[in-house]
Amino acid sequence: MGQDTTHNNFYSWVRYFCSDQQGVRWYIGDGYNSGCRLEALLAMWLSKFLFYDFPGDLMQGRFFPLAIKIAKGKRYPLASLFLGCLYHLLDLIHDDELKRGGHYLVDSHVMTSF
């Protein structure tokens, strides 16, 4: 049987550790006071922006030990990994545009922040 992915997608992760909107009101998530919000944020950042994998909207548990070490102050040279991820996504956009040959509009999105 497949793995249950209802609680390890990014939306559920943010709702649990930060807040949730129900109607027009915002509520603090159940994990807000858990003491591991920084580790949760780092694990999500590593899963989504540095070591993205398919399906791209799921938390990757294998990054939890790295997130814990970073939260404790250990430093790693992650800038090159981030740039590599960004360049890879830009290459995919370029390839899509070349395949279309100017005949179709290619809607491209790169999720990143500087």
N, C-alpha and C. Protein backbone atom coordinates (compact mmCIF):
# COMPACT_ATOMS: atom_id res chain seq x y z
N MET A 1 0.83 -1.16 0.00
CA MET A 1 0.00 0.00 0.00
C MET A 1 0.88 1.24 0.00
N GLY A 2 0.45 2.28 -0.67
CA GLY A 2 1.22 3.51 -0.77
C GLY A 2 1.29 4.26 0.55
N GLN A 3 2.23 5.15 0.60
CA GLN A 3 2.43 5.94 1.80
C GLN A 3 1.35 7.02 1.92
N ASP A 4 0.91 7.30 3.15
CA ASP A 4 -0.12 8.32 3.38
C ASP A 4 0.51 9.69 3.21
N THR A 5 0.03 10.45 2.24
CA THR A 5 0.62 11.75 1.94
C THR A 5 -0.30 12.90 2.35
N THR A 6 -1.32 12.63 3.15
CA THR A 6 -2.25 13.69 3.52
C THR A 6 -1.65 14.66 4.53
N HIS A 7 -0.64 14.25 5.27
CA HIS A 7 -0.07 15.12 6.29
C HIS A 7 1.36 15.54 6.01
N ASN A 8 1.95 15.10 4.93
CA ASN A 8 3.33 15.51 4.67
C ASN A 8 3.45 16.36 3.42
N ASN A 9 2.34 16.94 2.97
CA ASN A 9 2.48 17.91 1.88
C ASN A 9 2.74 19.28 2.51
N PHE A 10 3.21 20.22 1.70
CA PHE A 10 3.63 21.52 2.23
C PHE A 10 2.47 22.27 2.88
N TYR A 11 1.28 22.19 2.29
CA TYR A 11 0.13 22.90 2.84
C TYR A 11 -0.20 22.41 4.25
N SER A 12 -0.24 21.10 4.43
CA SER A 12 -0.53 20.55 5.75
C SER A 12 0.57 20.89 6.75
N TRP A 13 1.80 20.89 6.28
CA TRP A 13 2.95 21.20 7.13
C TRP A 13 2.85 22.64 7.66
N VAL A 14 2.55 23.58 6.78
CA VAL A 14 2.42 24.98 7.19
C VAL A 14 1.23 25.15 8.13
N ARG A 15 0.12 24.49 7.83
CA ARG A 15 -1.05 24.59 8.69
C ARG A 15 -0.76 24.06 10.09
N TYR A 16 0.01 23.01 10.20
CA TYR A 16 0.30 22.42 11.50
C TYR A 16 1.27 23.28 12.31
N PHE A 17 2.35 23.75 11.68
CA PHE A 17 3.39 24.46 12.42
C PHE A 17 3.18 25.97 12.49
N CYS A 18 2.34 26.54 11.66
CA CYS A 18 2.17 27.99 11.67
C CYS A 18 0.74 28.37 11.98
N SER A 19 -0.07 28.44 10.95
CA SER A 19 -1.45 28.86 11.18
C SER A 19 -2.34 28.33 10.07
N ASP A 20 -3.61 28.46 10.31
CA ASP A 20 -4.61 27.97 9.37
C ASP A 20 -5.72 29.01 9.29
N GLN A 21 -6.23 29.20 8.11
CA GLN A 21 -7.33 30.13 7.93
C GLN A 21 -8.63 29.35 7.78
N GLN A 22 -9.60 29.69 8.61
CA GLN A 22 -10.93 29.09 8.52
C GLN A 22 -11.91 30.24 8.36
N GLY A 23 -12.40 30.41 7.16
CA GLY A 23 -13.25 31.56 6.87
C GLY A 23 -12.41 32.81 6.82
N VAL A 24 -12.75 33.77 7.64
CA VAL A 24 -11.99 35.02 7.66
C VAL A 24 -11.05 35.10 8.86
N ARG A 25 -11.05 34.08 9.71
CA ARG A 25 -10.20 34.08 10.91
C ARG A 25 -9.00 33.17 10.73
N TRP A 26 -7.90 33.55 11.37
CA TRP A 26 -6.69 32.75 11.36
C TRP A 26 -6.53 32.09 12.73
N TYR A 27 -6.11 30.84 12.72
CA TYR A 27 -5.91 30.09 13.95
C TYR A 27 -4.48 29.57 13.99
N ILE A 28 -3.91 29.58 15.18
CA ILE A 28 -2.56 29.03 15.36
C ILE A 28 -2.62 27.53 15.19
N GLY A 29 -1.66 26.97 14.46
CA GLY A 29 -1.62 25.53 14.24
C GLY A 29 -1.28 24.75 15.50
N ASP A 30 -1.61 23.47 15.51
CA ASP A 30 -1.36 22.62 16.68
C ASP A 30 0.12 22.51 17.02
N GLY A 31 0.99 22.59 16.04
CA GLY A 31 2.42 22.45 16.29
C GLY A 31 3.14 23.76 16.51
N TYR A 32 2.39 24.86 16.63
CA TYR A 32 3.00 26.18 16.75
C TYR A 32 3.91 26.28 17.97
N ASN A 33 3.51 25.75 19.08
CA ASN A 33 4.30 25.82 20.32
C ASN A 33 5.09 24.54 20.58
N SER A 34 5.38 23.79 19.52
CA SER A 34 6.04 22.50 19.71
C SER A 34 7.53 22.62 20.02
N GLY A 35 8.12 23.77 19.81
CA GLY A 35 9.54 23.93 20.08
C GLY A 35 10.43 23.51 18.92
N CYS A 36 9.84 23.10 17.82
CA CYS A 36 10.66 22.69 16.67
C CYS A 36 10.20 23.38 15.38
N ARG A 37 9.68 24.61 15.53
CA ARG A 37 9.21 25.33 14.35
C ARG A 37 10.35 25.68 13.39
N LEU A 38 11.51 26.06 13.93
CA LEU A 38 12.65 26.38 13.07
C LEU A 38 13.08 25.15 12.28
N GLU A 39 13.17 24.02 12.94
CA GLU A 39 13.54 22.78 12.26
C GLU A 39 12.52 22.42 11.19
N ALA A 40 11.24 22.65 11.49
CA ALA A 40 10.19 22.36 10.52
C ALA A 40 10.31 23.28 9.30
N LEU A 41 10.56 24.56 9.54
CA LEU A 41 10.74 25.50 8.44
C LEU A 41 11.95 25.12 7.58
N LEU A 42 13.05 24.78 8.22
CA LEU A 42 14.25 24.39 7.47
C LEU A 42 14.03 23.11 6.68
N ALA A 43 13.34 22.14 7.27
CA ALA A 43 13.06 20.90 6.54
C ALA A 43 12.19 21.17 5.32
N MET A 44 11.21 22.06 5.47
CA MET A 44 10.37 22.40 4.33
C MET A 44 11.18 23.12 3.26
N TRP A 45 12.03 24.05 3.67
CA TRP A 45 12.87 24.80 2.73
C TRP A 45 13.81 23.86 1.98
N LEU A 46 14.42 22.94 2.69
CA LEU A 46 15.32 21.98 2.04
C LEU A 46 14.56 21.11 1.05
N SER A 47 13.37 20.65 1.44
CA SER A 47 12.58 19.78 0.57
C SER A 47 12.06 20.50 -0.66
N LYS A 48 11.68 21.75 -0.49
CA LYS A 48 11.01 22.47 -1.57
C LYS A 48 11.97 23.19 -2.50
N PHE A 49 13.04 23.75 -1.97
CA PHE A 49 13.88 24.62 -2.77
C PHE A 49 15.28 24.11 -3.06
N LEU A 50 15.80 23.22 -2.25
CA LEU A 50 17.16 22.75 -2.51
C LEU A 50 17.22 21.36 -3.08
N PHE A 51 16.52 20.45 -2.48
CA PHE A 51 16.57 19.06 -2.90
C PHE A 51 15.21 18.60 -3.38
N TYR A 52 14.61 19.38 -4.25
CA TYR A 52 13.26 19.06 -4.70
C TYR A 52 13.25 17.70 -5.39
N ASP A 53 12.14 17.03 -5.25
CA ASP A 53 11.98 15.70 -5.81
C ASP A 53 10.53 15.58 -6.25
N PHE A 54 10.23 14.58 -7.02
CA PHE A 54 8.86 14.39 -7.47
C PHE A 54 8.19 13.33 -6.61
N PRO A 55 6.99 13.50 -6.15
CA PRO A 55 6.17 14.68 -6.37
C PRO A 55 6.72 15.87 -5.60
N GLY A 56 6.64 17.02 -6.20
CA GLY A 56 7.30 18.22 -5.68
C GLY A 56 6.60 18.91 -4.53
N ASP A 57 5.46 18.43 -4.08
CA ASP A 57 4.75 19.12 -3.01
C ASP A 57 4.74 18.32 -1.70
N LEU A 58 5.69 17.41 -1.54
CA LEU A 58 5.73 16.58 -0.34
C LEU A 58 7.01 16.85 0.46
N MET A 59 6.88 16.78 1.77
CA MET A 59 8.03 16.89 2.65
C MET A 59 8.89 15.64 2.48
N GLN A 60 10.18 15.83 2.52
CA GLN A 60 11.12 14.72 2.40
C GLN A 60 11.74 14.48 3.78
N GLY A 61 11.33 13.40 4.42
CA GLY A 61 11.80 13.10 5.77
C GLY A 61 13.30 12.90 5.87
N ARG A 62 13.93 12.58 4.80
CA ARG A 62 15.37 12.34 4.84
C ARG A 62 16.17 13.61 5.14
N PHE A 63 15.52 14.79 5.07
CA PHE A 63 16.22 16.04 5.33
C PHE A 63 16.06 16.52 6.77
N PHE A 64 15.31 15.81 7.59
CA PHE A 64 15.11 16.22 8.98
C PHE A 64 16.43 16.29 9.75
N PRO A 65 17.31 15.28 9.64
CA PRO A 65 18.58 15.39 10.38
C PRO A 65 19.40 16.61 9.96
N LEU A 66 19.42 16.92 8.69
CA LEU A 66 20.14 18.10 8.21
C LEU A 66 19.50 19.37 8.73
N ALA A 67 18.18 19.44 8.73
CA ALA A 67 17.47 20.62 9.24
C ALA A 67 17.76 20.83 10.72
N ILE A 68 17.83 19.75 11.48
CA ILE A 68 18.12 19.85 12.91
C ILE A 68 19.53 20.39 13.13
N LYS A 69 20.49 19.90 12.35
CA LYS A 69 21.87 20.38 12.48
C LYS A 69 21.98 21.86 12.12
N ILE A 70 21.31 22.27 11.06
CA ILE A 70 21.34 23.68 10.66
C ILE A 70 20.69 24.55 11.75
N ALA A 71 19.59 24.09 12.32
CA ALA A 71 18.91 24.84 13.38
C ALA A 71 19.79 24.99 14.61
N LYS A 72 20.66 24.02 14.85
CA LYS A 72 21.57 24.09 16.00
C LYS A 72 22.80 24.95 15.71
N GLY A 73 22.92 25.47 14.48
CA GLY A 73 24.02 26.38 14.18
C GLY A 73 25.11 25.82 13.28
N LYS A 74 25.00 24.56 12.90
CA LYS A 74 26.00 23.98 11.99
C LYS A 74 25.85 24.62 10.63
N ARG A 75 26.95 24.95 10.00
CA ARG A 75 26.90 25.62 8.70
C ARG A 75 27.29 24.66 7.58
N TYR A 76 26.56 24.80 6.49
CA TYR A 76 26.82 24.02 5.29
C TYR A 76 26.82 24.96 4.09
N PRO A 77 27.64 24.69 3.10
CA PRO A 77 27.66 25.54 1.89
C PRO A 77 26.50 25.19 0.97
N LEU A 78 25.32 25.75 1.23
CA LEU A 78 24.12 25.41 0.48
C LEU A 78 23.84 26.36 -0.68
N ALA A 79 24.55 27.46 -0.77
CA ALA A 79 24.29 28.44 -1.84
C ALA A 79 24.48 27.81 -3.21
N SER A 80 25.52 27.00 -3.38
CA SER A 80 25.75 26.39 -4.69
C SER A 80 24.64 25.41 -5.05
N LEU A 81 24.09 24.72 -4.04
CA LEU A 81 22.96 23.81 -4.31
C LEU A 81 21.72 24.59 -4.73
N PHE A 82 21.48 25.72 -4.06
CA PHE A 82 20.33 26.55 -4.42
C PHE A 82 20.49 27.08 -5.84
N LEU A 83 21.66 27.58 -6.17
CA LEU A 83 21.89 28.09 -7.52
C LEU A 83 21.78 26.96 -8.55
N GLY A 84 22.28 25.79 -8.22
CA GLY A 84 22.15 24.65 -9.12
C GLY A 84 20.70 24.30 -9.39
N CYS A 85 19.88 24.34 -8.35
CA CYS A 85 18.45 24.09 -8.50
C CYS A 85 17.81 25.16 -9.37
N LEU A 86 18.14 26.41 -9.11
CA LEU A 86 17.60 27.52 -9.90
C LEU A 86 17.99 27.39 -11.37
N TYR A 87 19.25 27.12 -11.63
CA TYR A 87 19.71 26.98 -13.03
C TYR A 87 19.05 25.79 -13.71
N HIS A 88 18.86 24.71 -12.98
CA HIS A 88 18.18 23.55 -13.56
C HIS A 88 16.75 23.92 -13.98
N LEU A 89 16.04 24.64 -13.11
CA LEU A 89 14.68 25.06 -13.44
C LEU A 89 14.68 26.01 -14.64
N LEU A 90 15.65 26.90 -14.70
CA LEU A 90 15.74 27.80 -15.85
C LEU A 90 16.05 27.04 -17.13
N ASP A 91 16.87 26.00 -17.04
CA ASP A 91 17.13 25.15 -18.21
C ASP A 91 15.86 24.46 -18.68
N LEU A 92 15.03 23.99 -17.75
CA LEU A 92 13.76 23.36 -18.13
C LEU A 92 12.85 24.35 -18.85
N ILE A 93 12.81 25.58 -18.36
CA ILE A 93 12.01 26.61 -19.02
C ILE A 93 12.53 26.86 -20.42
N HIS A 94 13.84 26.98 -20.57
CA HIS A 94 14.44 27.21 -21.88
C HIS A 94 14.13 26.07 -22.83
N ASP A 95 14.25 24.84 -22.35
CA ASP A 95 13.94 23.68 -23.19
C ASP A 95 12.48 23.69 -23.64
N ASP A 96 11.57 24.04 -22.73
CA ASP A 96 10.15 24.13 -23.09
C ASP A 96 9.91 25.16 -24.18
N GLU A 97 10.58 26.29 -24.07
CA GLU A 97 10.40 27.34 -25.07
C GLU A 97 10.97 26.92 -26.42
N LEU A 98 12.08 26.20 -26.40
CA LEU A 98 12.65 25.72 -27.67
C LEU A 98 11.75 24.69 -28.33
N LYS A 99 11.15 23.82 -27.54
CA LYS A 99 10.25 22.80 -28.09
C LYS A 99 9.04 23.42 -28.76
N ARG A 100 8.57 24.51 -28.23
CA ARG A 100 7.38 25.16 -28.80
C ARG A 100 7.70 25.93 -30.07
N GLY A 101 8.94 26.28 -30.27
CA GLY A 101 9.35 26.94 -31.51
C GLY A 101 8.65 28.27 -31.77
N GLY A 102 8.20 28.94 -30.75
CA GLY A 102 7.54 30.22 -30.92
C GLY A 102 6.09 30.14 -31.34
N HIS A 103 5.55 28.92 -31.46
CA HIS A 103 4.17 28.76 -31.91
C HIS A 103 3.16 28.85 -30.77
N TYR A 104 3.59 28.55 -29.57
CA TYR A 104 2.68 28.56 -28.44
C TYR A 104 3.30 29.38 -27.31
N LEU A 105 2.45 29.96 -26.52
CA LEU A 105 2.90 30.67 -25.34
C LEU A 105 3.27 29.65 -24.27
N VAL A 106 4.45 29.77 -23.72
CA VAL A 106 4.91 28.88 -22.66
C VAL A 106 4.80 29.65 -21.34
N ASP A 107 3.92 29.21 -20.47
CA ASP A 107 3.74 29.82 -19.17
C ASP A 107 4.72 29.18 -18.21
N SER A 108 5.69 29.95 -17.72
CA SER A 108 6.74 29.41 -16.88
C SER A 108 6.74 30.10 -15.53
N HIS A 109 6.96 29.31 -14.50
CA HIS A 109 7.02 29.84 -13.14
C HIS A 109 8.25 29.24 -12.45
N VAL A 110 9.02 30.07 -11.79
CA VAL A 110 10.13 29.61 -10.98
C VAL A 110 9.87 30.10 -9.57
N MET A 111 9.76 29.15 -8.63
CA MET A 111 9.51 29.52 -7.24
C MET A 111 10.83 29.73 -6.54
N THR A 112 11.16 30.96 -6.29
CA THR A 112 12.40 31.27 -5.60
C THR A 112 12.29 32.64 -4.96
N SER A 113 13.17 32.92 -4.05
CA SER A 113 13.23 34.25 -3.45
C SER A 113 14.69 34.61 -3.27
N PHE A 114 14.96 35.86 -3.32
CA PHE A 114 16.34 36.33 -3.18
C PHE A 114 16.45 37.26 -1.99
